[in-house]
Amino acid sequence: MKDTKYILLIMNCLRYQNKANLQKDIWLSKLYSIPYYHVLGNPNLNKQYMFDEKHKKLYVKTDDDYNSLPNKVIAAYQAVVEYYPQLQYILKTDDDQVLQFKHPDTFFDKIVDMLEKNTNEQQIHYAGHIVNITTPYKSEYYRIHDELPKNLILDATKYCSGRFYILSKDAIINLLKKRHYIEKEYLEDYAIGRYLDDKFKQNIKQLASNVFFKDLE
């Protein structure tokens, strides 16, 4: 496991363990090409993170509520970078997503092939469904998650939707330098794009993640 180059992280929480179990039943039980972990927060951990290999879970020392998601995500990236010295990419999705492939390895083999074909000057550091905010605006996302603030302003930036995105190790290391900023945000995917240096977004790769993944019913 220590020579693993690709990791799939799935954001989960104790409240929605049923979603993680459904994912396992529907598609994760057929995934063999890359390892995955459901990520949960546990503020009472006596260390910064803990890998539960038997149950394919990663616990990080953060709160486990929705507003703590940016903190949970960046903590998970720190854990994986430290735990897997040969890591090249993290692939991230959420516990309410279902992969639209009968054989999940078919999809992830294509992703790995795409990433390995684009090296050196053409290396992909960031990939997903691109959202381009050209003018700052007030988020209405609190209508879906009422725990969010109602006066949340999103600044102009370019980011990949949290449904599914990919980050290179170099991009993650760059983000870890801004960890204290990311932890203060409310929207995880937006925060990742906002604080990722522009040089890592110059070759950003568009992926039809809204086609590859669908919401869990």
N, C-alpha and C. Protein backbone atom coordinates (compact mmCIF):
# COMPACT_ATOMS: atom_id res chain seq x y z
N MET A 1 0.81 -1.21 0.00
CA MET A 1 0.00 0.00 0.00
C MET A 1 0.85 1.26 0.00
N LYS A 2 2.03 1.20 0.58
CA LYS A 2 2.85 2.41 0.71
C LYS A 2 3.35 2.93 -0.64
N ASP A 3 3.32 2.09 -1.68
CA ASP A 3 3.76 2.57 -3.00
C ASP A 3 2.58 3.05 -3.85
N THR A 4 1.43 3.20 -3.22
CA THR A 4 0.23 3.67 -3.92
C THR A 4 0.44 5.08 -4.47
N LYS A 5 0.04 5.28 -5.71
CA LYS A 5 0.20 6.58 -6.37
C LYS A 5 -1.11 7.36 -6.48
N TYR A 6 -2.23 6.64 -6.44
CA TYR A 6 -3.54 7.27 -6.61
C TYR A 6 -4.45 6.85 -5.46
N ILE A 7 -5.14 7.82 -4.88
CA ILE A 7 -6.05 7.57 -3.77
C ILE A 7 -7.39 8.27 -4.06
N LEU A 8 -8.48 7.55 -3.82
CA LEU A 8 -9.81 8.16 -3.90
C LEU A 8 -10.29 8.47 -2.49
N LEU A 9 -10.60 9.73 -2.23
CA LEU A 9 -11.15 10.16 -0.94
C LEU A 9 -12.61 10.55 -1.12
N ILE A 10 -13.44 10.02 -0.24
CA ILE A 10 -14.89 10.28 -0.31
C ILE A 10 -15.31 10.95 0.99
N MET A 11 -15.78 12.18 0.90
CA MET A 11 -16.15 12.92 2.09
C MET A 11 -17.47 12.37 2.67
N ASN A 12 -17.42 12.03 3.93
CA ASN A 12 -18.54 11.40 4.62
C ASN A 12 -18.62 11.99 6.02
N CYS A 13 -19.60 11.59 6.80
CA CYS A 13 -19.68 11.98 8.20
C CYS A 13 -20.47 10.92 8.95
N LEU A 14 -20.35 10.93 10.26
CA LEU A 14 -21.01 9.91 11.09
C LEU A 14 -22.51 9.91 10.87
N ARG A 15 -23.08 11.09 10.69
CA ARG A 15 -24.53 11.21 10.50
C ARG A 15 -25.02 10.48 9.27
N TYR A 16 -24.17 10.42 8.23
CA TYR A 16 -24.58 9.82 6.96
C TYR A 16 -23.78 8.56 6.61
N GLN A 17 -23.56 7.73 7.60
CA GLN A 17 -22.88 6.46 7.36
C GLN A 17 -23.67 5.58 6.40
N ASN A 18 -25.00 5.76 6.38
CA ASN A 18 -25.82 4.98 5.47
C ASN A 18 -25.47 5.26 4.02
N LYS A 19 -25.08 6.50 3.72
CA LYS A 19 -24.70 6.84 2.34
C LYS A 19 -23.42 6.11 1.95
N ALA A 20 -22.46 6.06 2.87
CA ALA A 20 -21.22 5.33 2.61
C ALA A 20 -21.50 3.86 2.36
N ASN A 21 -22.40 3.30 3.14
CA ASN A 21 -22.73 1.88 2.97
C ASN A 21 -23.42 1.63 1.63
N LEU A 22 -24.27 2.56 1.22
CA LEU A 22 -24.92 2.42 -0.08
C LEU A 22 -23.90 2.49 -1.21
N GLN A 23 -22.95 3.40 -1.10
CA GLN A 23 -21.90 3.49 -2.12
C GLN A 23 -21.14 2.18 -2.22
N LYS A 24 -20.85 1.58 -1.07
CA LYS A 24 -20.14 0.29 -1.08
C LYS A 24 -20.97 -0.77 -1.79
N ASP A 25 -22.25 -0.78 -1.53
CA ASP A 25 -23.13 -1.77 -2.15
C ASP A 25 -23.26 -1.56 -3.65
N ILE A 26 -23.32 -0.28 -4.07
CA ILE A 26 -23.63 0.02 -5.47
C ILE A 26 -22.40 -0.04 -6.36
N TRP A 27 -21.26 0.56 -5.93
CA TRP A 27 -20.12 0.59 -6.85
C TRP A 27 -18.75 0.43 -6.21
N LEU A 28 -18.58 0.81 -4.96
CA LEU A 28 -17.24 0.72 -4.37
C LEU A 28 -16.79 -0.72 -4.15
N SER A 29 -17.72 -1.63 -3.95
CA SER A 29 -17.35 -3.04 -3.75
C SER A 29 -16.76 -3.66 -5.01
N LYS A 30 -16.95 -2.95 -6.15
CA LYS A 30 -16.41 -3.44 -7.43
C LYS A 30 -15.17 -2.66 -7.87
N LEU A 31 -14.67 -1.81 -7.00
CA LEU A 31 -13.50 -1.00 -7.33
C LEU A 31 -12.24 -1.67 -6.80
N TYR A 32 -11.33 -2.02 -7.69
CA TYR A 32 -10.10 -2.72 -7.30
C TYR A 32 -8.84 -1.98 -7.74
N SER A 33 -8.97 -1.07 -8.69
CA SER A 33 -7.77 -0.48 -9.31
C SER A 33 -7.07 0.53 -8.41
N ILE A 34 -7.80 1.25 -7.57
CA ILE A 34 -7.18 2.20 -6.65
C ILE A 34 -7.85 2.09 -5.28
N PRO A 35 -7.11 2.34 -4.21
CA PRO A 35 -7.71 2.30 -2.88
C PRO A 35 -8.56 3.53 -2.62
N TYR A 36 -9.53 3.38 -1.72
CA TYR A 36 -10.37 4.52 -1.35
C TYR A 36 -10.55 4.55 0.16
N TYR A 37 -10.91 5.73 0.65
CA TYR A 37 -11.27 5.91 2.06
C TYR A 37 -12.47 6.85 2.15
N HIS A 38 -13.42 6.52 3.01
CA HIS A 38 -14.41 7.50 3.43
C HIS A 38 -13.78 8.34 4.54
N VAL A 39 -13.90 9.66 4.42
CA VAL A 39 -13.25 10.57 5.37
C VAL A 39 -14.29 11.10 6.36
N LEU A 40 -13.99 10.94 7.65
CA LEU A 40 -14.86 11.43 8.71
C LEU A 40 -14.06 12.29 9.68
N GLY A 41 -14.73 13.25 10.30
CA GLY A 41 -14.08 14.08 11.31
C GLY A 41 -14.31 13.54 12.71
N ASN A 42 -13.30 13.64 13.55
CA ASN A 42 -13.41 13.24 14.96
C ASN A 42 -12.52 14.18 15.77
N PRO A 43 -13.11 15.20 16.39
CA PRO A 43 -12.31 16.18 17.13
C PRO A 43 -11.64 15.61 18.37
N ASN A 44 -12.03 14.40 18.77
CA ASN A 44 -11.48 13.79 19.99
C ASN A 44 -10.31 12.85 19.73
N LEU A 45 -9.86 12.76 18.49
CA LEU A 45 -8.69 11.93 18.19
C LEU A 45 -7.49 12.41 19.01
N ASN A 46 -6.65 11.46 19.42
CA ASN A 46 -5.44 11.85 20.16
C ASN A 46 -4.25 12.09 19.23
N LYS A 47 -4.52 12.08 17.92
CA LYS A 47 -3.52 12.43 16.91
C LYS A 47 -4.24 13.10 15.76
N GLN A 48 -3.51 13.58 14.79
CA GLN A 48 -4.10 14.38 13.72
C GLN A 48 -4.94 13.56 12.75
N TYR A 49 -4.65 12.29 12.60
CA TYR A 49 -5.42 11.43 11.70
C TYR A 49 -5.23 9.97 12.06
N MET A 50 -6.15 9.14 11.59
CA MET A 50 -6.07 7.69 11.82
C MET A 50 -6.69 6.96 10.63
N PHE A 51 -5.93 6.06 10.04
CA PHE A 51 -6.42 5.24 8.95
C PHE A 51 -6.98 3.93 9.51
N ASP A 52 -8.21 3.62 9.14
CA ASP A 52 -8.84 2.35 9.49
C ASP A 52 -8.89 1.52 8.21
N GLU A 53 -7.85 0.72 8.01
CA GLU A 53 -7.72 -0.02 6.76
C GLU A 53 -8.82 -1.08 6.61
N LYS A 54 -9.24 -1.67 7.71
CA LYS A 54 -10.26 -2.73 7.65
C LYS A 54 -11.57 -2.20 7.10
N HIS A 55 -11.97 -1.02 7.53
CA HIS A 55 -13.26 -0.46 7.13
C HIS A 55 -13.12 0.64 6.07
N LYS A 56 -11.90 0.84 5.60
CA LYS A 56 -11.62 1.81 4.53
C LYS A 56 -12.11 3.21 4.93
N LYS A 57 -11.69 3.63 6.11
CA LYS A 57 -12.05 4.95 6.61
C LYS A 57 -10.80 5.71 7.03
N LEU A 58 -10.87 7.02 6.86
CA LEU A 58 -9.82 7.92 7.34
C LEU A 58 -10.47 8.92 8.28
N TYR A 59 -10.03 8.92 9.53
CA TYR A 59 -10.52 9.87 10.52
C TYR A 59 -9.50 11.00 10.66
N VAL A 60 -9.99 12.24 10.64
CA VAL A 60 -9.11 13.39 10.84
C VAL A 60 -9.61 14.18 12.04
N LYS A 61 -8.68 14.88 12.67
CA LYS A 61 -9.00 15.61 13.91
C LYS A 61 -9.66 16.95 13.58
N THR A 62 -10.92 16.88 13.17
CA THR A 62 -11.73 18.05 12.88
C THR A 62 -13.15 17.77 13.35
N ASP A 63 -13.97 18.81 13.36
CA ASP A 63 -15.40 18.59 13.58
C ASP A 63 -15.96 17.84 12.38
N ASP A 64 -17.17 17.30 12.55
CA ASP A 64 -17.75 16.42 11.53
C ASP A 64 -19.00 17.02 10.88
N ASP A 65 -19.25 18.32 11.10
CA ASP A 65 -20.44 18.95 10.54
C ASP A 65 -20.16 19.52 9.15
N TYR A 66 -21.23 19.97 8.48
CA TYR A 66 -21.10 20.43 7.10
C TYR A 66 -20.18 21.65 6.99
N ASN A 67 -20.30 22.59 7.90
CA ASN A 67 -19.50 23.81 7.81
C ASN A 67 -18.02 23.55 8.03
N SER A 68 -17.66 22.39 8.55
CA SER A 68 -16.25 22.04 8.77
C SER A 68 -15.65 21.28 7.58
N LEU A 69 -16.41 21.15 6.51
CA LEU A 69 -15.94 20.36 5.37
C LEU A 69 -14.62 20.87 4.78
N PRO A 70 -14.42 22.18 4.59
CA PRO A 70 -13.11 22.62 4.09
C PRO A 70 -11.96 22.19 5.00
N ASN A 71 -12.17 22.29 6.31
CA ASN A 71 -11.17 21.86 7.27
C ASN A 71 -10.92 20.36 7.17
N LYS A 72 -11.99 19.59 7.05
CA LYS A 72 -11.88 18.13 6.95
C LYS A 72 -11.12 17.73 5.69
N VAL A 73 -11.42 18.38 4.59
CA VAL A 73 -10.79 18.05 3.32
C VAL A 73 -9.29 18.33 3.35
N ILE A 74 -8.90 19.51 3.78
CA ILE A 74 -7.47 19.83 3.77
C ILE A 74 -6.71 18.99 4.80
N ALA A 75 -7.36 18.63 5.91
CA ALA A 75 -6.75 17.73 6.89
C ALA A 75 -6.54 16.34 6.29
N ALA A 76 -7.50 15.88 5.50
CA ALA A 76 -7.38 14.58 4.85
C ALA A 76 -6.25 14.58 3.83
N TYR A 77 -6.09 15.69 3.09
CA TYR A 77 -5.01 15.78 2.11
C TYR A 77 -3.65 15.73 2.82
N GLN A 78 -3.54 16.42 3.94
CA GLN A 78 -2.31 16.38 4.73
C GLN A 78 -2.00 14.95 5.15
N ALA A 79 -3.02 14.23 5.63
CA ALA A 79 -2.84 12.86 6.10
C ALA A 79 -2.35 11.94 4.99
N VAL A 80 -2.98 12.04 3.83
CA VAL A 80 -2.64 11.13 2.73
C VAL A 80 -1.25 11.42 2.18
N VAL A 81 -0.88 12.69 2.08
CA VAL A 81 0.46 13.05 1.61
C VAL A 81 1.53 12.48 2.55
N GLU A 82 1.26 12.52 3.85
CA GLU A 82 2.23 12.00 4.82
C GLU A 82 2.25 10.48 4.84
N TYR A 83 1.10 9.86 4.69
CA TYR A 83 0.97 8.41 4.84
C TYR A 83 1.44 7.64 3.60
N TYR A 84 1.28 8.27 2.43
CA TYR A 84 1.64 7.61 1.17
C TYR A 84 2.78 8.38 0.50
N PRO A 85 4.02 8.00 0.73
CA PRO A 85 5.16 8.75 0.21
C PRO A 85 5.27 8.76 -1.31
N GLN A 86 4.66 7.78 -1.99
CA GLN A 86 4.73 7.72 -3.45
C GLN A 86 3.50 8.33 -4.12
N LEU A 87 2.67 8.99 -3.35
CA LEU A 87 1.45 9.57 -3.88
C LEU A 87 1.73 10.52 -5.05
N GLN A 88 0.88 10.43 -6.08
CA GLN A 88 0.95 11.36 -7.21
C GLN A 88 -0.32 12.19 -7.35
N TYR A 89 -1.48 11.55 -7.08
CA TYR A 89 -2.75 12.25 -7.23
C TYR A 89 -3.76 11.81 -6.17
N ILE A 90 -4.58 12.77 -5.75
CA ILE A 90 -5.77 12.47 -4.96
C ILE A 90 -6.98 12.75 -5.83
N LEU A 91 -7.92 11.80 -5.82
CA LEU A 91 -9.19 11.95 -6.50
C LEU A 91 -10.25 12.10 -5.41
N LYS A 92 -11.09 13.11 -5.51
CA LYS A 92 -12.03 13.41 -4.42
C LYS A 92 -13.46 13.39 -4.92
N THR A 93 -14.35 12.79 -4.13
CA THR A 93 -15.78 12.84 -4.41
C THR A 93 -16.53 12.88 -3.08
N ASP A 94 -17.86 12.79 -3.12
CA ASP A 94 -18.68 12.89 -1.92
C ASP A 94 -19.52 11.64 -1.71
N ASP A 95 -20.07 11.52 -0.50
CA ASP A 95 -20.81 10.32 -0.14
C ASP A 95 -22.19 10.22 -0.77
N ASP A 96 -22.60 11.23 -1.52
CA ASP A 96 -23.92 11.19 -2.18
C ASP A 96 -23.79 10.96 -3.68
N GLN A 97 -22.62 10.44 -4.12
CA GLN A 97 -22.37 10.26 -5.54
C GLN A 97 -22.32 8.78 -5.94
N VAL A 98 -22.88 8.50 -7.10
CA VAL A 98 -22.87 7.15 -7.67
C VAL A 98 -22.17 7.20 -9.02
N LEU A 99 -21.13 6.41 -9.18
CA LEU A 99 -20.41 6.36 -10.45
C LEU A 99 -21.24 5.65 -11.51
N GLN A 100 -21.35 6.26 -12.68
CA GLN A 100 -22.21 5.75 -13.75
C GLN A 100 -21.46 4.80 -14.69
N PHE A 101 -20.73 3.86 -14.11
CA PHE A 101 -20.03 2.85 -14.89
C PHE A 101 -20.33 1.49 -14.26
N LYS A 102 -20.67 0.52 -15.07
CA LYS A 102 -20.95 -0.82 -14.57
C LYS A 102 -19.73 -1.41 -13.89
N HIS A 103 -18.57 -1.12 -14.46
CA HIS A 103 -17.29 -1.58 -13.89
C HIS A 103 -16.48 -0.33 -13.52
N PRO A 104 -16.41 0.03 -12.25
CA PRO A 104 -15.70 1.25 -11.83
C PRO A 104 -14.25 1.31 -12.30
N ASP A 105 -13.58 0.16 -12.38
CA ASP A 105 -12.19 0.17 -12.79
C ASP A 105 -12.02 0.71 -14.21
N THR A 106 -13.03 0.53 -15.05
CA THR A 106 -12.97 1.07 -16.41
C THR A 106 -12.79 2.58 -16.36
N PHE A 107 -13.58 3.24 -15.52
CA PHE A 107 -13.49 4.70 -15.39
C PHE A 107 -12.15 5.12 -14.80
N PHE A 108 -11.74 4.51 -13.70
CA PHE A 108 -10.52 4.95 -13.04
C PHE A 108 -9.27 4.59 -13.83
N ASP A 109 -9.31 3.51 -14.59
CA ASP A 109 -8.18 3.20 -15.47
C ASP A 109 -8.01 4.27 -16.54
N LYS A 110 -9.13 4.79 -17.04
CA LYS A 110 -9.07 5.86 -18.04
C LYS A 110 -8.52 7.15 -17.42
N ILE A 111 -8.92 7.42 -16.18
CA ILE A 111 -8.42 8.61 -15.48
C ILE A 111 -6.91 8.51 -15.28
N VAL A 112 -6.45 7.36 -14.81
CA VAL A 112 -5.01 7.16 -14.59
C VAL A 112 -4.25 7.28 -15.90
N ASP A 113 -4.79 6.69 -16.95
CA ASP A 113 -4.14 6.77 -18.27
C ASP A 113 -4.03 8.22 -18.73
N MET A 114 -5.09 8.99 -18.53
CA MET A 114 -5.07 10.41 -18.90
C MET A 114 -4.00 11.17 -18.13
N LEU A 115 -3.91 10.91 -16.84
CA LEU A 115 -2.94 11.63 -16.00
C LEU A 115 -1.51 11.25 -16.34
N GLU A 116 -1.27 9.99 -16.66
CA GLU A 116 0.09 9.54 -16.93
C GLU A 116 0.56 9.93 -18.33
N LYS A 117 -0.36 10.24 -19.22
CA LYS A 117 0.02 10.68 -20.56
C LYS A 117 0.40 12.16 -20.58
N ASN A 118 -0.04 12.89 -19.57
CA ASN A 118 0.23 14.32 -19.51
C ASN A 118 1.27 14.60 -18.43
N THR A 119 2.53 14.54 -18.80
CA THR A 119 3.62 14.72 -17.85
C THR A 119 4.45 15.95 -18.22
N ASN A 120 5.39 16.27 -17.35
CA ASN A 120 6.30 17.40 -17.55
C ASN A 120 5.52 18.71 -17.75
N GLU A 121 5.76 19.42 -18.89
CA GLU A 121 5.12 20.71 -19.10
C GLU A 121 3.61 20.60 -19.21
N GLN A 122 3.12 19.45 -19.63
CA GLN A 122 1.68 19.26 -19.82
C GLN A 122 1.03 18.53 -18.65
N GLN A 123 1.73 18.41 -17.55
CA GLN A 123 1.16 17.67 -16.43
C GLN A 123 -0.13 18.32 -15.94
N ILE A 124 -1.10 17.48 -15.66
CA ILE A 124 -2.38 17.94 -15.13
C ILE A 124 -2.26 18.04 -13.62
N HIS A 125 -2.51 19.21 -13.07
CA HIS A 125 -2.48 19.40 -11.62
C HIS A 125 -3.87 19.51 -11.02
N TYR A 126 -4.86 19.81 -11.87
CA TYR A 126 -6.20 20.08 -11.36
C TYR A 126 -7.18 19.70 -12.47
N ALA A 127 -8.20 18.91 -12.13
CA ALA A 127 -9.16 18.47 -13.14
C ALA A 127 -10.52 18.27 -12.51
N GLY A 128 -11.57 18.54 -13.29
CA GLY A 128 -12.94 18.37 -12.84
C GLY A 128 -13.86 19.21 -13.68
N HIS A 129 -15.11 19.32 -13.26
CA HIS A 129 -16.05 20.21 -13.95
C HIS A 129 -15.76 21.64 -13.51
N ILE A 130 -15.33 22.47 -14.44
CA ILE A 130 -14.84 23.80 -14.13
C ILE A 130 -15.98 24.79 -13.93
N VAL A 131 -15.90 25.51 -12.82
CA VAL A 131 -16.82 26.60 -12.53
C VAL A 131 -16.01 27.89 -12.54
N ASN A 132 -16.41 28.83 -13.36
CA ASN A 132 -15.65 30.07 -13.51
C ASN A 132 -16.48 31.25 -12.98
N ILE A 133 -16.09 31.76 -11.81
CA ILE A 133 -16.77 32.93 -11.25
C ILE A 133 -16.03 34.17 -11.74
N THR A 134 -16.69 34.97 -12.54
CA THR A 134 -16.05 36.17 -13.09
C THR A 134 -16.35 37.42 -12.27
N THR A 135 -17.47 37.41 -11.56
CA THR A 135 -17.87 38.55 -10.74
C THR A 135 -18.30 38.05 -9.36
N PRO A 136 -17.81 38.64 -8.29
CA PRO A 136 -18.23 38.21 -6.93
C PRO A 136 -19.75 38.28 -6.78
N TYR A 137 -20.29 37.31 -6.03
CA TYR A 137 -21.74 37.30 -5.79
C TYR A 137 -22.04 36.63 -4.46
N LYS A 138 -23.26 36.84 -3.98
CA LYS A 138 -23.69 36.25 -2.72
C LYS A 138 -24.24 34.85 -2.96
N SER A 139 -23.69 33.88 -2.26
CA SER A 139 -24.12 32.50 -2.44
C SER A 139 -25.53 32.28 -1.91
N GLU A 140 -26.29 31.46 -2.63
CA GLU A 140 -27.63 31.08 -2.20
C GLU A 140 -27.63 29.64 -1.68
N TYR A 141 -26.44 29.10 -1.45
CA TYR A 141 -26.34 27.68 -1.09
C TYR A 141 -26.93 27.38 0.29
N TYR A 142 -27.14 28.42 1.09
CA TYR A 142 -27.76 28.21 2.40
C TYR A 142 -29.19 27.70 2.26
N ARG A 143 -29.79 27.86 1.08
CA ARG A 143 -31.14 27.35 0.85
C ARG A 143 -31.15 25.83 0.82
N ILE A 144 -29.99 25.24 0.53
CA ILE A 144 -29.85 23.78 0.53
C ILE A 144 -29.30 23.31 1.86
N HIS A 145 -28.30 24.04 2.37
CA HIS A 145 -27.69 23.73 3.67
C HIS A 145 -27.90 24.93 4.59
N ASP A 146 -28.94 24.85 5.41
CA ASP A 146 -29.32 26.03 6.19
C ASP A 146 -28.34 26.38 7.30
N GLU A 147 -27.33 25.54 7.52
CA GLU A 147 -26.32 25.87 8.51
C GLU A 147 -25.29 26.88 7.98
N LEU A 148 -25.29 27.09 6.67
CA LEU A 148 -24.37 28.05 6.06
C LEU A 148 -24.82 29.49 6.34
N PRO A 149 -23.89 30.43 6.39
CA PRO A 149 -24.28 31.84 6.56
C PRO A 149 -25.03 32.34 5.33
N LYS A 150 -25.94 33.28 5.56
CA LYS A 150 -26.77 33.79 4.47
C LYS A 150 -26.09 34.94 3.72
N ASN A 151 -25.00 35.44 4.26
CA ASN A 151 -24.31 36.56 3.62
C ASN A 151 -22.95 36.13 3.07
N LEU A 152 -22.86 34.91 2.62
CA LEU A 152 -21.59 34.35 2.13
C LEU A 152 -21.29 34.88 0.73
N ILE A 153 -20.20 35.61 0.60
CA ILE A 153 -19.78 36.17 -0.68
C ILE A 153 -18.70 35.29 -1.31
N LEU A 154 -18.91 34.95 -2.57
CA LEU A 154 -17.92 34.18 -3.33
C LEU A 154 -17.17 35.13 -4.25
N ASP A 155 -15.85 35.15 -4.12
CA ASP A 155 -15.02 36.02 -4.95
C ASP A 155 -14.77 35.41 -6.33
N ALA A 156 -14.33 36.23 -7.24
CA ALA A 156 -14.00 35.75 -8.58
C ALA A 156 -12.86 34.75 -8.51
N THR A 157 -13.07 33.60 -9.08
CA THR A 157 -12.04 32.55 -9.13
C THR A 157 -12.51 31.45 -10.07
N LYS A 158 -11.66 30.49 -10.29
CA LYS A 158 -12.00 29.32 -11.10
C LYS A 158 -11.75 28.08 -10.24
N TYR A 159 -12.76 27.19 -10.17
CA TYR A 159 -12.60 25.99 -9.35
C TYR A 159 -13.33 24.82 -9.99
N CYS A 160 -13.06 23.62 -9.49
CA CYS A 160 -13.71 22.41 -9.98
C CYS A 160 -14.77 21.95 -8.99
N SER A 161 -15.91 21.59 -9.51
CA SER A 161 -17.04 21.16 -8.69
C SER A 161 -16.66 20.01 -7.77
N GLY A 162 -17.19 20.06 -6.54
CA GLY A 162 -16.87 19.05 -5.55
C GLY A 162 -17.44 17.68 -5.82
N ARG A 163 -18.28 17.56 -6.83
CA ARG A 163 -18.84 16.25 -7.19
C ARG A 163 -17.71 15.24 -7.47
N PHE A 164 -16.68 15.71 -8.18
CA PHE A 164 -15.50 14.89 -8.43
C PHE A 164 -14.42 15.79 -9.00
N TYR A 165 -13.26 15.79 -8.35
CA TYR A 165 -12.13 16.51 -8.92
C TYR A 165 -10.82 15.79 -8.57
N ILE A 166 -9.76 16.23 -9.22
CA ILE A 166 -8.45 15.60 -9.09
C ILE A 166 -7.42 16.66 -8.78
N LEU A 167 -6.49 16.35 -7.88
CA LEU A 167 -5.38 17.24 -7.56
C LEU A 167 -4.08 16.46 -7.58
N SER A 168 -3.03 17.06 -8.16
CA SER A 168 -1.70 16.44 -8.11
C SER A 168 -1.09 16.66 -6.73
N LYS A 169 -0.07 15.90 -6.43
CA LYS A 169 0.62 16.07 -5.15
C LYS A 169 1.21 17.47 -5.04
N ASP A 170 1.77 17.97 -6.12
CA ASP A 170 2.35 19.32 -6.09
C ASP A 170 1.28 20.37 -5.78
N ALA A 171 0.10 20.19 -6.36
CA ALA A 171 -1.00 21.12 -6.09
C ALA A 171 -1.43 21.03 -4.63
N ILE A 172 -1.46 19.82 -4.09
CA ILE A 172 -1.86 19.64 -2.69
C ILE A 172 -0.85 20.29 -1.76
N ILE A 173 0.42 20.10 -2.04
CA ILE A 173 1.46 20.73 -1.21
C ILE A 173 1.31 22.25 -1.24
N ASN A 174 0.97 22.78 -2.41
CA ASN A 174 0.72 24.22 -2.51
C ASN A 174 -0.46 24.64 -1.64
N LEU A 175 -1.52 23.85 -1.65
CA LEU A 175 -2.70 24.16 -0.86
C LEU A 175 -2.43 24.05 0.64
N LEU A 176 -1.59 23.12 1.03
CA LEU A 176 -1.29 22.93 2.46
C LEU A 176 -0.61 24.16 3.05
N LYS A 177 0.07 24.93 2.21
CA LYS A 177 0.70 26.16 2.68
C LYS A 177 -0.35 27.23 3.02
N LYS A 178 -1.56 27.06 2.49
CA LYS A 178 -2.65 28.01 2.75
C LYS A 178 -3.72 27.38 3.63
N ARG A 179 -3.35 26.34 4.34
CA ARG A 179 -4.32 25.57 5.11
C ARG A 179 -5.14 26.44 6.06
N HIS A 180 -4.50 27.39 6.72
CA HIS A 180 -5.21 28.22 7.70
C HIS A 180 -6.26 29.10 7.05
N TYR A 181 -6.10 29.41 5.76
CA TYR A 181 -7.13 30.16 5.04
C TYR A 181 -8.29 29.23 4.65
N ILE A 182 -7.95 28.06 4.16
CA ILE A 182 -8.96 27.10 3.71
C ILE A 182 -9.86 26.68 4.87
N GLU A 183 -9.27 26.50 6.03
CA GLU A 183 -10.04 26.07 7.21
C GLU A 183 -11.13 27.08 7.59
N LYS A 184 -10.96 28.33 7.19
CA LYS A 184 -11.92 29.38 7.56
C LYS A 184 -13.05 29.52 6.54
N GLU A 185 -12.95 28.79 5.43
CA GLU A 185 -13.98 28.87 4.40
C GLU A 185 -15.17 27.96 4.74
N TYR A 186 -16.22 28.08 3.94
CA TYR A 186 -17.43 27.28 4.15
C TYR A 186 -17.69 26.29 3.02
N LEU A 187 -17.28 26.64 1.80
CA LEU A 187 -17.52 25.79 0.64
C LEU A 187 -16.21 25.18 0.18
N GLU A 188 -16.12 23.88 0.33
CA GLU A 188 -14.84 23.18 0.13
C GLU A 188 -14.29 23.28 -1.29
N ASP A 189 -15.12 23.00 -2.30
CA ASP A 189 -14.60 23.00 -3.67
C ASP A 189 -14.18 24.41 -4.09
N TYR A 190 -14.98 25.39 -3.72
CA TYR A 190 -14.63 26.79 -3.99
C TYR A 190 -13.32 27.18 -3.31
N ALA A 191 -13.16 26.77 -2.05
CA ALA A 191 -11.95 27.10 -1.29
C ALA A 191 -10.70 26.52 -1.94
N ILE A 192 -10.80 25.29 -2.43
CA ILE A 192 -9.66 24.64 -3.07
C ILE A 192 -9.24 25.44 -4.30
N GLY A 193 -10.20 25.80 -5.15
CA GLY A 193 -9.88 26.56 -6.34
C GLY A 193 -9.39 27.96 -6.03
N ARG A 194 -9.98 28.58 -5.03
CA ARG A 194 -9.61 29.96 -4.70
C ARG A 194 -8.17 30.06 -4.23
N TYR A 195 -7.71 29.11 -3.43
CA TYR A 195 -6.38 29.22 -2.83
C TYR A 195 -5.29 28.46 -3.58
N LEU A 196 -5.68 27.72 -4.61
CA LEU A 196 -4.67 27.06 -5.43
C LEU A 196 -3.99 28.10 -6.32
N ASP A 197 -2.67 28.14 -6.31
CA ASP A 197 -1.94 29.10 -7.13
C ASP A 197 -2.31 28.96 -8.61
N ASP A 198 -2.34 30.07 -9.31
CA ASP A 198 -2.75 30.08 -10.71
C ASP A 198 -1.90 29.17 -11.59
N LYS A 199 -0.63 29.02 -11.25
CA LYS A 199 0.23 28.19 -12.10
C LYS A 199 -0.25 26.74 -12.16
N PHE A 200 -0.98 26.31 -11.13
CA PHE A 200 -1.51 24.94 -11.12
C PHE A 200 -2.84 24.85 -11.84
N LYS A 201 -3.40 26.00 -12.23
CA LYS A 201 -4.67 26.01 -12.96
C LYS A 201 -4.49 26.37 -14.43
N GLN A 202 -3.25 26.57 -14.85
CA GLN A 202 -3.00 26.94 -16.25
C GLN A 202 -3.38 25.81 -17.20
N ASN A 203 -3.20 24.58 -16.75
CA ASN A 203 -3.50 23.42 -17.59
C ASN A 203 -4.67 22.64 -17.00
N ILE A 204 -5.62 23.37 -16.39
CA ILE A 204 -6.76 22.73 -15.75
C ILE A 204 -7.54 21.91 -16.78
N LYS A 205 -7.92 20.71 -16.39
CA LYS A 205 -8.56 19.76 -17.31
C LYS A 205 -10.06 19.68 -17.04
N GLN A 206 -10.85 19.92 -18.06
CA GLN A 206 -12.30 19.83 -17.94
C GLN A 206 -12.73 18.36 -17.98
N LEU A 207 -13.51 17.95 -16.99
CA LEU A 207 -14.08 16.61 -16.95
C LEU A 207 -15.59 16.72 -16.80
N ALA A 208 -16.31 15.85 -17.46
CA ALA A 208 -17.78 15.86 -17.37
C ALA A 208 -18.23 15.08 -16.14
N SER A 209 -17.86 15.59 -14.98
CA SER A 209 -18.16 14.85 -13.75
C SER A 209 -19.66 14.74 -13.51
N ASN A 210 -20.45 15.68 -14.05
CA ASN A 210 -21.90 15.59 -13.90
C ASN A 210 -22.50 14.51 -14.78
N VAL A 211 -21.71 13.96 -15.68
CA VAL A 211 -22.12 12.81 -16.50
C VAL A 211 -21.60 11.52 -15.87
N PHE A 212 -20.35 11.55 -15.41
CA PHE A 212 -19.74 10.36 -14.83
C PHE A 212 -20.36 9.98 -13.49
N PHE A 213 -20.83 10.98 -12.74
CA PHE A 213 -21.41 10.75 -11.42
C PHE A 213 -22.82 11.33 -11.36
N LYS A 214 -23.66 10.64 -10.61
CA LYS A 214 -25.03 11.12 -10.36
C LYS A 214 -25.28 11.10 -8.85
N ASP A 215 -26.23 11.95 -8.43
CA ASP A 215 -26.57 12.02 -7.01
C ASP A 215 -27.22 10.72 -6.56
N LEU A 216 -26.88 10.30 -5.37
CA LEU A 216 -27.47 9.12 -4.76
C LEU A 216 -28.93 9.39 -4.45
N GLU A 217 -29.80 8.50 -4.87
CA GLU A 217 -31.24 8.70 -4.61
C GLU A 217 -31.62 8.15 -3.24
